[in-house]
């Protein structure tokens, strides 16, 4: 019997872990994909994963500290995503942590996998407020496996954010949305991608995106 692909959802004390797990199981089931989906903070398990998901809820600095407090976890993530070139998806603050640093309540070091800074959303001088909450349209800027089938018709996803990544290299910008001004809704480089919205809360569009991620085989 063929081994089912291992999907590691990183547990570092922050994130909608159960919601993300439930959504991934649903996405795998709908797409007919055999996957072994586990919530874990075990570096040995993460180092063997075929796909990694890094959720995140809360402040950038707290999430970065929580991730680094798990001995060996960041190294295992780096080994799998960068050296073994396995697909990696950051969600919300998990996507922000891919940046070089976050500017929320001071400056905090991120993973620096995608060069850039996580900054407050620019409201464009209008009457909008933060946080940016609810459904918003996402415009895909270039082809990518996680957005397969989305480019023709802009999709709507659920957001809950006051910050977003500003990538240093425009080529790392994958999709945009708008809340006063345009901001990065998704970023990607090599086998690493991050989405500022919550696919686990985005109903059919979110499940479709997660199924795309689980089907991604670089």
N, C-alpha and C. Protein backbone atom coordinates (compact mmCIF):
# COMPACT_ATOMS: atom_id res chain seq x y z
N UNK A 1 0.84 -1.20 0.00
CA UNK A 1 0.00 0.00 0.00
C UNK A 1 0.88 1.25 0.00
N UNK A 2 0.56 2.19 -0.86
CA UNK A 2 1.34 3.43 -0.95
C UNK A 2 1.15 4.27 0.31
N UNK A 3 2.21 4.92 0.72
CA UNK A 3 2.16 5.78 1.90
C UNK A 3 1.35 7.03 1.60
N UNK A 4 0.45 7.39 2.53
CA UNK A 4 -0.29 8.64 2.37
C UNK A 4 0.62 9.81 2.69
N UNK A 5 0.50 10.89 1.93
CA UNK A 5 1.32 12.06 2.16
C UNK A 5 1.05 12.66 3.53
N UNK A 6 2.11 12.97 4.25
CA UNK A 6 2.00 13.54 5.60
C UNK A 6 1.89 15.05 5.51
N UNK A 7 0.85 15.59 6.11
CA UNK A 7 0.63 17.04 6.18
C UNK A 7 0.77 17.46 7.64
N UNK A 8 1.77 18.29 7.92
CA UNK A 8 2.03 18.75 9.28
C UNK A 8 1.46 20.14 9.48
N UNK A 9 0.54 20.28 10.43
CA UNK A 9 0.02 21.59 10.84
C UNK A 9 0.82 21.99 12.07
N UNK A 10 1.56 23.09 11.97
CA UNK A 10 2.50 23.45 13.03
C UNK A 10 1.76 24.01 14.24
N UNK A 11 1.99 23.37 15.39
CA UNK A 11 1.42 23.81 16.66
C UNK A 11 2.50 24.56 17.44
N UNK A 12 2.35 25.87 17.54
CA UNK A 12 3.31 26.66 18.32
C UNK A 12 2.58 27.61 19.26
N UNK A 13 1.35 27.21 19.62
CA UNK A 13 0.58 27.97 20.59
C UNK A 13 -0.21 29.11 20.00
N UNK A 14 -0.35 29.16 18.68
CA UNK A 14 -1.09 30.24 18.04
C UNK A 14 -1.70 29.74 16.75
N UNK A 15 -3.00 30.00 16.59
CA UNK A 15 -3.63 29.61 15.34
C UNK A 15 -4.90 28.81 15.56
N UNK A 16 -5.75 28.83 14.54
CA UNK A 16 -7.00 28.06 14.58
C UNK A 16 -6.70 26.63 14.15
N UNK A 17 -6.01 25.90 15.02
CA UNK A 17 -5.49 24.60 14.62
C UNK A 17 -6.59 23.62 14.24
N UNK A 18 -7.61 23.54 15.08
CA UNK A 18 -8.68 22.57 14.80
C UNK A 18 -9.47 22.96 13.56
N UNK A 19 -9.70 24.25 13.37
CA UNK A 19 -10.42 24.71 12.18
C UNK A 19 -9.62 24.42 10.92
N UNK A 20 -8.31 24.66 10.98
CA UNK A 20 -7.44 24.39 9.84
C UNK A 20 -7.39 22.88 9.56
N UNK A 21 -7.27 22.09 10.60
CA UNK A 21 -7.24 20.63 10.42
C UNK A 21 -8.54 20.14 9.77
N UNK A 22 -9.67 20.61 10.29
CA UNK A 22 -10.96 20.19 9.75
C UNK A 22 -11.10 20.58 8.28
N UNK A 23 -10.67 21.80 7.94
CA UNK A 23 -10.76 22.26 6.56
C UNK A 23 -9.86 21.45 5.64
N UNK A 24 -8.66 21.09 6.11
CA UNK A 24 -7.75 20.29 5.28
C UNK A 24 -8.31 18.89 5.04
N UNK A 25 -8.89 18.29 6.07
CA UNK A 25 -9.52 16.98 5.87
C UNK A 25 -10.65 17.09 4.86
N UNK A 26 -11.47 18.15 4.98
CA UNK A 26 -12.58 18.33 4.04
C UNK A 26 -12.07 18.55 2.62
N UNK A 27 -11.02 19.36 2.47
CA UNK A 27 -10.46 19.62 1.15
C UNK A 27 -9.88 18.35 0.54
N UNK A 28 -9.17 17.57 1.35
CA UNK A 28 -8.59 16.32 0.86
C UNK A 28 -9.69 15.35 0.43
N UNK A 29 -10.75 15.27 1.24
CA UNK A 29 -11.86 14.38 0.92
C UNK A 29 -12.56 14.76 -0.37
N UNK A 30 -12.83 16.05 -0.54
CA UNK A 30 -13.52 16.51 -1.75
C UNK A 30 -12.68 16.28 -3.01
N UNK A 31 -11.36 16.38 -2.85
CA UNK A 31 -10.48 16.21 -4.01
C UNK A 31 -10.05 14.76 -4.20
N UNK A 32 -10.48 13.87 -3.31
CA UNK A 32 -10.11 12.47 -3.41
C UNK A 32 -8.64 12.22 -3.16
N UNK A 33 -8.05 13.00 -2.25
CA UNK A 33 -6.63 12.89 -1.95
C UNK A 33 -6.41 12.13 -0.65
N UNK A 34 -5.57 11.13 -0.68
CA UNK A 34 -5.21 10.41 0.54
C UNK A 34 -4.11 11.15 1.28
N UNK A 35 -4.42 11.68 2.46
CA UNK A 35 -3.45 12.44 3.21
C UNK A 35 -3.52 12.07 4.69
N UNK A 36 -2.38 12.11 5.34
CA UNK A 36 -2.27 11.90 6.78
C UNK A 36 -2.03 13.27 7.41
N UNK A 37 -3.07 13.87 7.96
CA UNK A 37 -3.02 15.26 8.43
C UNK A 37 -2.88 15.28 9.94
N UNK A 38 -1.83 15.93 10.44
CA UNK A 38 -1.57 15.92 11.88
C UNK A 38 -1.19 17.31 12.39
N UNK A 39 -1.72 17.65 13.56
CA UNK A 39 -1.27 18.83 14.29
C UNK A 39 -0.07 18.42 15.13
N UNK A 40 1.04 19.13 15.02
CA UNK A 40 2.26 18.67 15.69
C UNK A 40 3.24 19.79 15.97
N UNK A 41 4.03 19.61 17.02
CA UNK A 41 5.19 20.47 17.25
C UNK A 41 6.46 19.62 17.35
N UNK A 42 6.37 18.40 16.81
CA UNK A 42 7.48 17.45 16.85
C UNK A 42 8.41 17.69 15.65
N UNK A 43 9.64 18.16 15.88
CA UNK A 43 10.55 18.44 14.77
C UNK A 43 10.82 17.22 13.89
N UNK A 44 10.88 16.05 14.48
CA UNK A 44 11.15 14.85 13.69
C UNK A 44 10.01 14.57 12.70
N UNK A 45 8.78 14.78 13.14
CA UNK A 45 7.64 14.58 12.27
C UNK A 45 7.60 15.64 11.17
N UNK A 46 7.87 16.88 11.55
CA UNK A 46 7.87 17.99 10.59
C UNK A 46 8.94 17.76 9.52
N UNK A 47 10.08 17.22 9.93
CA UNK A 47 11.18 16.98 8.99
C UNK A 47 10.84 15.92 7.95
N UNK A 48 9.81 15.11 8.24
CA UNK A 48 9.41 14.05 7.31
C UNK A 48 8.18 14.43 6.49
N UNK A 49 7.61 15.59 6.74
CA UNK A 49 6.34 15.97 6.14
C UNK A 49 6.47 16.18 4.63
N UNK A 50 5.36 15.94 3.94
CA UNK A 50 5.28 16.21 2.50
C UNK A 50 4.70 17.60 2.23
N UNK A 51 3.88 18.09 3.16
CA UNK A 51 3.33 19.45 3.10
C UNK A 51 3.31 20.00 4.52
N UNK A 52 3.54 21.30 4.65
CA UNK A 52 3.51 21.96 5.96
C UNK A 52 2.56 23.14 5.89
N UNK A 53 1.74 23.29 6.95
CA UNK A 53 0.85 24.44 7.09
C UNK A 53 1.19 25.15 8.39
N UNK A 54 1.43 26.46 8.31
CA UNK A 54 1.73 27.28 9.48
C UNK A 54 0.60 28.28 9.68
N UNK A 55 -0.37 27.97 10.57
CA UNK A 55 -1.42 28.94 10.87
C UNK A 55 -0.87 30.04 11.77
N UNK A 56 -1.70 31.01 12.09
CA UNK A 56 -1.25 32.05 13.01
C UNK A 56 -2.36 33.05 13.32
N UNK A 57 -2.56 33.31 14.60
CA UNK A 57 -3.51 34.31 15.07
C UNK A 57 -2.86 35.08 16.20
N UNK A 58 -2.94 36.41 16.17
CA UNK A 58 -2.36 37.21 17.24
C UNK A 58 -1.33 38.18 16.73
N UNK A 59 -0.46 38.62 17.63
CA UNK A 59 0.57 39.61 17.29
C UNK A 59 1.80 38.92 16.71
N UNK A 60 2.43 39.59 15.76
CA UNK A 60 3.60 39.05 15.06
C UNK A 60 4.69 38.63 16.04
N UNK A 61 5.06 39.53 16.96
CA UNK A 61 6.16 39.24 17.87
C UNK A 61 5.88 38.04 18.77
N UNK A 62 4.65 37.95 19.27
CA UNK A 62 4.29 36.82 20.13
C UNK A 62 4.33 35.52 19.35
N UNK A 63 3.85 35.55 18.12
CA UNK A 63 3.85 34.33 17.30
C UNK A 63 5.29 33.91 16.95
N UNK A 64 6.13 34.88 16.61
CA UNK A 64 7.53 34.57 16.30
C UNK A 64 8.23 33.96 17.51
N UNK A 65 7.96 34.53 18.69
CA UNK A 65 8.58 34.00 19.91
C UNK A 65 8.07 32.60 20.22
N UNK A 66 6.77 32.38 20.03
CA UNK A 66 6.21 31.06 20.29
C UNK A 66 6.78 30.01 19.37
N UNK A 67 7.02 30.37 18.13
CA UNK A 67 7.59 29.43 17.17
C UNK A 67 9.02 29.06 17.55
N UNK A 68 9.80 30.06 17.93
CA UNK A 68 11.21 29.80 18.27
C UNK A 68 11.36 29.13 19.63
N UNK A 69 10.32 29.19 20.46
CA UNK A 69 10.40 28.55 21.78
C UNK A 69 10.32 27.03 21.68
N UNK A 70 9.85 26.50 20.55
CA UNK A 70 9.81 25.04 20.35
C UNK A 70 11.15 24.59 19.79
N UNK A 71 11.94 23.94 20.62
CA UNK A 71 13.30 23.56 20.24
C UNK A 71 13.31 22.72 18.97
N UNK A 72 14.07 23.16 17.99
CA UNK A 72 14.26 22.40 16.76
C UNK A 72 13.17 22.56 15.73
N UNK A 73 12.07 23.24 16.07
CA UNK A 73 10.93 23.29 15.16
C UNK A 73 11.23 24.15 13.93
N UNK A 74 11.81 25.33 14.13
CA UNK A 74 12.13 26.20 13.00
C UNK A 74 13.14 25.53 12.07
N UNK A 75 14.13 24.85 12.63
CA UNK A 75 15.11 24.15 11.81
C UNK A 75 14.46 23.05 10.98
N UNK A 76 13.51 22.33 11.60
CA UNK A 76 12.83 21.25 10.87
C UNK A 76 11.97 21.81 9.74
N UNK A 77 11.29 22.93 10.01
CA UNK A 77 10.51 23.59 8.97
C UNK A 77 11.39 24.02 7.81
N UNK A 78 12.53 24.62 8.15
CA UNK A 78 13.46 25.10 7.13
C UNK A 78 13.99 23.94 6.30
N UNK A 79 14.35 22.85 6.97
CA UNK A 79 14.86 21.66 6.27
C UNK A 79 13.84 21.14 5.26
N UNK A 80 12.59 21.04 5.70
CA UNK A 80 11.56 20.47 4.85
C UNK A 80 11.18 21.40 3.69
N UNK A 81 10.96 22.68 4.01
CA UNK A 81 10.49 23.61 3.00
C UNK A 81 11.59 24.08 2.06
N UNK A 82 12.79 24.28 2.59
CA UNK A 82 13.85 24.87 1.80
C UNK A 82 14.80 23.82 1.22
N UNK A 83 15.27 22.89 2.06
CA UNK A 83 16.22 21.89 1.57
C UNK A 83 15.51 20.75 0.82
N UNK A 84 14.41 20.24 1.39
CA UNK A 84 13.68 19.15 0.73
C UNK A 84 12.67 19.67 -0.29
N UNK A 85 12.45 20.99 -0.31
CA UNK A 85 11.56 21.64 -1.30
C UNK A 85 10.15 21.07 -1.28
N UNK A 86 9.60 20.90 -0.06
CA UNK A 86 8.22 20.47 0.09
C UNK A 86 7.31 21.69 0.22
N UNK A 87 6.10 21.64 -0.29
CA UNK A 87 5.19 22.79 -0.25
C UNK A 87 4.88 23.23 1.19
N UNK A 88 4.89 24.54 1.37
CA UNK A 88 4.68 25.17 2.68
C UNK A 88 3.65 26.28 2.50
N UNK A 89 2.64 26.31 3.38
CA UNK A 89 1.61 27.33 3.32
C UNK A 89 1.48 28.03 4.66
N UNK A 90 1.72 29.34 4.70
CA UNK A 90 1.47 30.15 5.87
C UNK A 90 0.10 30.81 5.76
N UNK A 91 -0.62 30.85 6.87
CA UNK A 91 -1.97 31.42 6.90
C UNK A 91 -2.01 32.58 7.88
N UNK A 92 -2.46 33.74 7.44
CA UNK A 92 -2.61 34.95 8.26
C UNK A 92 -1.27 35.33 8.89
N UNK A 93 -1.14 35.29 10.22
CA UNK A 93 0.16 35.62 10.81
C UNK A 93 1.21 34.59 10.39
N UNK A 94 0.80 33.38 10.10
CA UNK A 94 1.73 32.38 9.56
C UNK A 94 2.33 32.82 8.25
N UNK A 95 1.56 33.55 7.45
CA UNK A 95 2.10 34.13 6.21
C UNK A 95 3.02 35.30 6.52
N UNK A 96 2.63 36.13 7.49
CA UNK A 96 3.45 37.28 7.86
C UNK A 96 4.83 36.85 8.38
N UNK A 97 4.88 35.73 9.08
CA UNK A 97 6.14 35.26 9.64
C UNK A 97 7.15 34.86 8.57
N UNK A 98 6.71 34.69 7.33
CA UNK A 98 7.63 34.39 6.24
C UNK A 98 8.52 35.59 5.92
N UNK A 99 8.11 36.79 6.34
CA UNK A 99 8.84 38.01 6.01
C UNK A 99 10.11 38.15 6.85
N UNK A 100 10.91 39.15 6.49
CA UNK A 100 12.16 39.40 7.22
C UNK A 100 11.90 39.89 8.63
N UNK A 101 10.93 40.80 8.77
CA UNK A 101 10.57 41.28 10.10
C UNK A 101 9.17 41.85 10.10
N UNK A 102 8.59 41.91 11.30
CA UNK A 102 7.27 42.48 11.46
C UNK A 102 7.33 43.73 12.32
N UNK A 103 6.57 44.75 11.93
CA UNK A 103 6.59 46.04 12.61
C UNK A 103 5.30 46.24 13.40
N UNK A 104 4.99 45.29 14.24
CA UNK A 104 3.81 45.36 15.10
C UNK A 104 4.26 45.45 16.56
N UNK A 105 4.00 46.59 17.19
CA UNK A 105 4.47 46.82 18.56
C UNK A 105 5.98 46.63 18.65
N UNK A 106 6.69 47.34 17.78
CA UNK A 106 8.15 47.22 17.70
C UNK A 106 8.54 46.41 16.49
N UNK A 107 9.83 46.12 16.38
CA UNK A 107 10.34 45.33 15.26
C UNK A 107 10.72 43.93 15.76
N UNK A 108 10.27 42.92 15.03
CA UNK A 108 10.50 41.53 15.43
C UNK A 108 10.97 40.73 14.23
N UNK A 109 11.99 39.90 14.43
CA UNK A 109 12.53 39.08 13.35
C UNK A 109 11.57 37.97 12.96
N UNK A 110 11.41 37.81 11.64
CA UNK A 110 10.63 36.70 11.11
C UNK A 110 11.54 35.61 10.58
N UNK A 111 10.99 34.72 9.77
CA UNK A 111 11.78 33.64 9.20
C UNK A 111 12.70 34.12 8.09
N UNK A 112 12.36 35.23 7.44
CA UNK A 112 13.14 35.80 6.34
C UNK A 112 13.24 34.83 5.17
N UNK A 113 12.17 34.09 4.90
CA UNK A 113 12.12 33.22 3.73
C UNK A 113 11.70 34.01 2.49
N UNK A 114 10.91 35.05 2.70
CA UNK A 114 10.51 35.95 1.62
C UNK A 114 10.85 37.36 2.10
N UNK A 115 11.86 37.96 1.50
CA UNK A 115 12.36 39.26 1.98
C UNK A 115 11.27 40.32 1.93
N UNK A 116 11.15 41.06 3.02
CA UNK A 116 10.15 42.11 3.10
C UNK A 116 9.76 42.37 4.54
N UNK A 117 8.82 43.28 4.71
CA UNK A 117 8.37 43.65 6.05
C UNK A 117 6.86 43.50 6.17
N UNK A 118 6.43 43.14 7.37
CA UNK A 118 5.01 43.11 7.68
C UNK A 118 4.64 44.45 8.32
N UNK A 119 3.78 45.20 7.63
CA UNK A 119 3.46 46.57 8.04
C UNK A 119 1.95 46.73 8.23
N UNK A 120 1.54 47.81 8.94
CA UNK A 120 0.11 48.08 9.06
C UNK A 120 -0.50 48.36 7.69
N UNK A 121 -1.76 47.98 7.51
CA UNK A 121 -2.46 48.29 6.27
C UNK A 121 -2.57 49.80 6.10
N UNK A 122 -2.39 50.25 4.88
CA UNK A 122 -2.56 51.66 4.53
C UNK A 122 -4.03 51.89 4.18
N UNK A 123 -4.73 52.67 4.99
CA UNK A 123 -6.16 52.90 4.76
C UNK A 123 -6.43 53.93 3.69
N UNK A 124 -5.39 54.52 3.14
CA UNK A 124 -5.57 55.43 2.03
C UNK A 124 -6.25 56.73 2.38
N UNK A 125 -6.27 57.08 3.68
CA UNK A 125 -6.87 58.35 4.09
C UNK A 125 -8.38 58.36 4.09
N UNK A 126 -8.99 57.20 3.91
CA UNK A 126 -10.45 57.13 3.86
C UNK A 126 -11.06 56.88 5.22
N UNK A 127 -12.33 56.48 5.21
CA UNK A 127 -13.08 56.29 6.45
C UNK A 127 -13.02 54.85 6.97
N UNK A 128 -12.28 53.99 6.29
CA UNK A 128 -12.20 52.60 6.73
C UNK A 128 -11.40 52.49 8.03
N UNK A 129 -11.62 51.42 8.75
CA UNK A 129 -10.96 51.21 10.04
C UNK A 129 -10.24 49.86 10.06
N UNK A 130 -9.46 49.66 11.09
CA UNK A 130 -8.79 48.39 11.33
C UNK A 130 -9.35 47.78 12.61
N UNK A 131 -9.39 46.45 12.70
CA UNK A 131 -8.91 45.49 11.69
C UNK A 131 -9.81 45.40 10.47
N UNK A 132 -9.21 44.90 9.41
CA UNK A 132 -9.93 44.59 8.18
C UNK A 132 -10.61 43.23 8.40
N UNK A 133 -11.91 43.24 8.49
CA UNK A 133 -12.65 42.01 8.84
C UNK A 133 -13.69 41.70 7.77
N UNK A 134 -13.78 40.44 7.40
CA UNK A 134 -14.85 39.99 6.53
C UNK A 134 -14.38 39.57 5.15
N UNK A 135 -15.32 39.41 4.24
CA UNK A 135 -15.05 38.90 2.90
C UNK A 135 -14.53 40.01 2.00
N UNK A 136 -13.55 39.65 1.18
CA UNK A 136 -12.99 40.63 0.25
C UNK A 136 -12.51 39.90 -1.00
N UNK A 137 -12.53 40.63 -2.09
CA UNK A 137 -12.09 40.06 -3.37
C UNK A 137 -10.58 39.96 -3.43
N UNK A 138 -10.11 38.88 -3.99
CA UNK A 138 -8.67 38.64 -4.17
C UNK A 138 -8.38 38.53 -5.66
N UNK A 139 -7.44 39.34 -6.12
CA UNK A 139 -7.03 39.31 -7.53
C UNK A 139 -5.69 38.58 -7.65
N UNK A 140 -5.68 37.49 -8.36
CA UNK A 140 -4.47 36.71 -8.59
C UNK A 140 -3.64 37.39 -9.68
N UNK A 141 -2.35 37.61 -9.41
CA UNK A 141 -1.50 38.37 -10.31
C UNK A 141 -0.67 37.51 -11.25
N UNK A 142 -0.46 36.26 -10.89
CA UNK A 142 0.35 35.38 -11.74
C UNK A 142 -0.03 33.93 -11.45
N UNK A 143 0.25 33.03 -12.37
CA UNK A 143 -0.10 31.63 -12.14
C UNK A 143 0.67 31.04 -10.97
N UNK A 144 -0.01 30.21 -10.20
CA UNK A 144 0.63 29.51 -9.09
C UNK A 144 -0.23 28.30 -8.74
N UNK A 145 0.38 27.18 -8.31
CA UNK A 145 -0.41 25.98 -8.00
C UNK A 145 -1.53 26.20 -6.99
N UNK A 146 -1.32 27.02 -5.96
CA UNK A 146 -2.37 27.17 -4.94
C UNK A 146 -3.58 27.93 -5.47
N UNK A 147 -3.40 28.70 -6.54
CA UNK A 147 -4.51 29.44 -7.13
C UNK A 147 -4.95 28.85 -8.47
N UNK A 148 -4.66 27.60 -8.69
CA UNK A 148 -5.07 26.96 -9.94
C UNK A 148 -6.59 27.06 -10.10
N UNK A 149 -7.03 27.58 -11.24
CA UNK A 149 -8.45 27.70 -11.51
C UNK A 149 -9.09 28.98 -11.00
N UNK A 150 -8.32 29.84 -10.32
CA UNK A 150 -8.89 31.07 -9.76
C UNK A 150 -8.67 32.30 -10.63
N UNK A 151 -7.71 32.26 -11.54
CA UNK A 151 -7.28 33.48 -12.22
C UNK A 151 -8.38 34.10 -13.09
N UNK A 152 -9.22 33.29 -13.71
CA UNK A 152 -10.22 33.81 -14.64
C UNK A 152 -11.27 34.68 -13.94
N UNK A 153 -11.70 34.27 -12.76
CA UNK A 153 -12.73 34.99 -12.02
C UNK A 153 -12.23 35.27 -10.61
N UNK A 154 -12.08 36.55 -10.22
CA UNK A 154 -11.61 36.86 -8.87
C UNK A 154 -12.50 36.21 -7.81
N UNK A 155 -11.88 35.62 -6.81
CA UNK A 155 -12.61 34.94 -5.75
C UNK A 155 -12.66 35.81 -4.51
N UNK A 156 -13.57 35.48 -3.61
CA UNK A 156 -13.69 36.18 -2.34
C UNK A 156 -13.25 35.24 -1.21
N UNK A 157 -12.43 35.79 -0.32
CA UNK A 157 -11.93 35.05 0.84
C UNK A 157 -12.17 35.88 2.11
N UNK A 158 -12.10 35.19 3.24
CA UNK A 158 -12.38 35.85 4.52
C UNK A 158 -11.07 36.34 5.16
N UNK A 159 -11.06 37.63 5.52
CA UNK A 159 -9.88 38.27 6.13
C UNK A 159 -10.17 38.68 7.57
N UNK A 160 -9.11 38.73 8.36
CA UNK A 160 -9.16 39.30 9.72
C UNK A 160 -7.74 39.80 10.02
N UNK A 161 -7.41 41.01 9.55
CA UNK A 161 -6.03 41.47 9.67
C UNK A 161 -5.93 42.98 9.75
N UNK A 162 -4.88 43.42 10.41
CA UNK A 162 -4.52 44.85 10.43
C UNK A 162 -3.17 45.07 9.76
N UNK A 163 -2.47 43.99 9.47
CA UNK A 163 -1.12 44.04 8.90
C UNK A 163 -1.06 43.13 7.68
N UNK A 164 -0.07 43.36 6.84
CA UNK A 164 0.19 42.49 5.69
C UNK A 164 1.65 42.64 5.29
N UNK A 165 2.15 41.65 4.57
CA UNK A 165 3.54 41.66 4.11
C UNK A 165 3.69 42.59 2.91
N UNK A 166 4.75 43.39 2.93
CA UNK A 166 5.18 44.13 1.74
C UNK A 166 6.47 43.49 1.25
N UNK A 167 6.40 42.63 0.22
CA UNK A 167 7.62 41.93 -0.22
C UNK A 167 8.61 42.89 -0.86
N UNK A 168 9.89 42.65 -0.63
CA UNK A 168 10.94 43.48 -1.21
C UNK A 168 11.00 43.30 -2.72
N UNK A 169 10.83 42.09 -3.18
CA UNK A 169 10.85 41.78 -4.61
C UNK A 169 9.41 41.68 -5.11
N UNK A 170 8.99 42.54 -6.03
CA UNK A 170 7.62 42.47 -6.55
C UNK A 170 7.26 41.11 -7.14
N UNK A 171 8.26 40.36 -7.55
CA UNK A 171 8.00 39.03 -8.12
C UNK A 171 7.45 38.06 -7.09
N UNK A 172 7.63 38.38 -5.79
CA UNK A 172 7.12 37.51 -4.74
C UNK A 172 5.66 37.79 -4.40
N UNK A 173 5.10 38.84 -4.98
CA UNK A 173 3.69 39.16 -4.76
C UNK A 173 2.84 38.26 -5.65
N UNK A 174 1.92 37.52 -5.04
CA UNK A 174 1.14 36.53 -5.77
C UNK A 174 -0.30 36.99 -6.02
N UNK A 175 -0.89 37.67 -5.04
CA UNK A 175 -2.27 38.13 -5.19
C UNK A 175 -2.47 39.36 -4.32
N UNK A 176 -3.45 40.18 -4.71
CA UNK A 176 -3.72 41.41 -3.98
C UNK A 176 -5.20 41.50 -3.59
N UNK A 177 -5.44 42.30 -2.55
CA UNK A 177 -6.78 42.70 -2.19
C UNK A 177 -6.72 44.17 -1.85
N UNK A 178 -7.84 44.75 -1.43
CA UNK A 178 -7.87 46.19 -1.17
C UNK A 178 -8.71 46.50 0.06
N UNK A 179 -8.14 47.32 0.93
CA UNK A 179 -8.86 47.86 2.08
C UNK A 179 -8.32 49.27 2.30
N UNK A 180 -8.91 50.22 1.60
CA UNK A 180 -8.36 51.57 1.56
C UNK A 180 -7.31 51.70 0.49
N UNK A 181 -6.30 50.87 0.54
CA UNK A 181 -5.26 50.77 -0.49
C UNK A 181 -5.02 49.29 -0.75
N UNK A 182 -4.36 48.99 -1.83
CA UNK A 182 -4.09 47.60 -2.17
C UNK A 182 -3.01 47.03 -1.27
N UNK A 183 -3.13 45.76 -0.95
CA UNK A 183 -2.14 45.09 -0.10
C UNK A 183 -1.99 43.64 -0.56
N UNK A 184 -0.92 43.01 -0.09
CA UNK A 184 -0.62 41.62 -0.49
C UNK A 184 -1.60 40.67 0.19
N UNK A 185 -2.41 40.01 -0.62
CA UNK A 185 -3.29 38.96 -0.12
C UNK A 185 -2.59 37.61 -0.13
N UNK A 186 -1.55 37.48 -0.96
CA UNK A 186 -0.77 36.24 -1.01
C UNK A 186 0.62 36.54 -1.55
N UNK A 187 1.59 35.82 -1.02
CA UNK A 187 2.98 35.94 -1.45
C UNK A 187 3.51 34.53 -1.71
N UNK A 188 4.55 34.42 -2.52
CA UNK A 188 5.10 33.10 -2.80
C UNK A 188 6.49 33.22 -3.38
N UNK A 189 7.33 32.27 -3.00
CA UNK A 189 8.67 32.12 -3.58
C UNK A 189 9.03 30.64 -3.51
N UNK A 190 9.43 30.08 -4.64
CA UNK A 190 9.81 28.66 -4.71
C UNK A 190 8.66 27.79 -4.18
N UNK A 191 8.91 26.96 -3.16
CA UNK A 191 7.86 26.07 -2.64
C UNK A 191 7.17 26.65 -1.40
N UNK A 192 7.38 27.93 -1.15
CA UNK A 192 6.80 28.58 0.04
C UNK A 192 5.75 29.59 -0.42
N UNK A 193 4.56 29.51 0.18
CA UNK A 193 3.49 30.45 -0.12
C UNK A 193 2.82 30.88 1.18
N UNK A 194 2.26 32.07 1.17
CA UNK A 194 1.52 32.57 2.32
C UNK A 194 0.29 33.30 1.86
N UNK A 195 -0.81 33.12 2.58
CA UNK A 195 -2.06 33.83 2.28
C UNK A 195 -2.47 34.63 3.50
N UNK A 196 -2.80 35.91 3.30
CA UNK A 196 -3.19 36.76 4.41
C UNK A 196 -4.60 36.45 4.89
N UNK A 197 -5.43 35.90 4.04
CA UNK A 197 -6.80 35.54 4.41
C UNK A 197 -6.83 34.17 5.09
N UNK A 198 -8.03 33.79 5.51
CA UNK A 198 -8.22 32.50 6.19
C UNK A 198 -8.96 31.53 5.27
N UNK A 199 -8.27 30.65 4.57
CA UNK A 199 -8.98 29.68 3.71
C UNK A 199 -9.90 28.77 4.52
N UNK A 200 -9.53 28.48 5.77
CA UNK A 200 -10.36 27.60 6.60
C UNK A 200 -11.70 28.22 6.96
N UNK A 201 -11.85 29.54 6.75
CA UNK A 201 -13.10 30.24 7.02
C UNK A 201 -13.76 30.72 5.73
N UNK A 202 -13.21 30.34 4.59
CA UNK A 202 -13.64 30.90 3.30
C UNK A 202 -14.50 29.95 2.48
N UNK A 203 -15.13 28.99 3.14
CA UNK A 203 -16.12 28.12 2.51
C UNK A 203 -15.57 27.45 1.25
N UNK A 204 -16.34 27.44 0.17
CA UNK A 204 -15.96 26.65 -1.01
C UNK A 204 -14.65 27.12 -1.62
N UNK A 205 -14.45 28.45 -1.69
CA UNK A 205 -13.20 28.96 -2.27
C UNK A 205 -12.00 28.54 -1.43
N UNK A 206 -12.15 28.58 -0.11
CA UNK A 206 -11.05 28.19 0.77
C UNK A 206 -10.71 26.71 0.65
N UNK A 207 -11.74 25.87 0.57
CA UNK A 207 -11.49 24.43 0.42
C UNK A 207 -10.83 24.12 -0.92
N UNK A 208 -11.23 24.87 -1.94
CA UNK A 208 -10.61 24.67 -3.25
C UNK A 208 -9.14 25.05 -3.20
N UNK A 209 -8.82 26.16 -2.55
CA UNK A 209 -7.42 26.57 -2.44
C UNK A 209 -6.61 25.54 -1.64
N UNK A 210 -7.18 25.04 -0.54
CA UNK A 210 -6.46 24.05 0.27
C UNK A 210 -6.27 22.74 -0.51
N UNK A 211 -7.26 22.37 -1.32
CA UNK A 211 -7.09 21.17 -2.15
C UNK A 211 -5.98 21.39 -3.17
N UNK A 212 -5.91 22.60 -3.73
CA UNK A 212 -4.81 22.92 -4.64
C UNK A 212 -3.46 22.77 -3.93
N UNK A 213 -3.39 23.27 -2.71
CA UNK A 213 -2.14 23.17 -1.95
C UNK A 213 -1.77 21.71 -1.72
N UNK A 214 -2.74 20.91 -1.32
CA UNK A 214 -2.46 19.49 -1.05
C UNK A 214 -2.08 18.72 -2.31
N UNK A 215 -2.49 19.24 -3.47
CA UNK A 215 -2.16 18.58 -4.75
C UNK A 215 -0.83 19.09 -5.32
N UNK A 216 -0.27 20.12 -4.73
CA UNK A 216 0.96 20.75 -5.23
C UNK A 216 2.14 19.80 -5.05
N UNK A 217 2.76 19.45 -6.15
CA UNK A 217 3.91 18.54 -6.13
C UNK A 217 5.04 19.15 -6.95
N UNK A 218 5.87 20.00 -6.33
CA UNK A 218 6.97 20.64 -7.06
C UNK A 218 7.94 19.64 -7.65
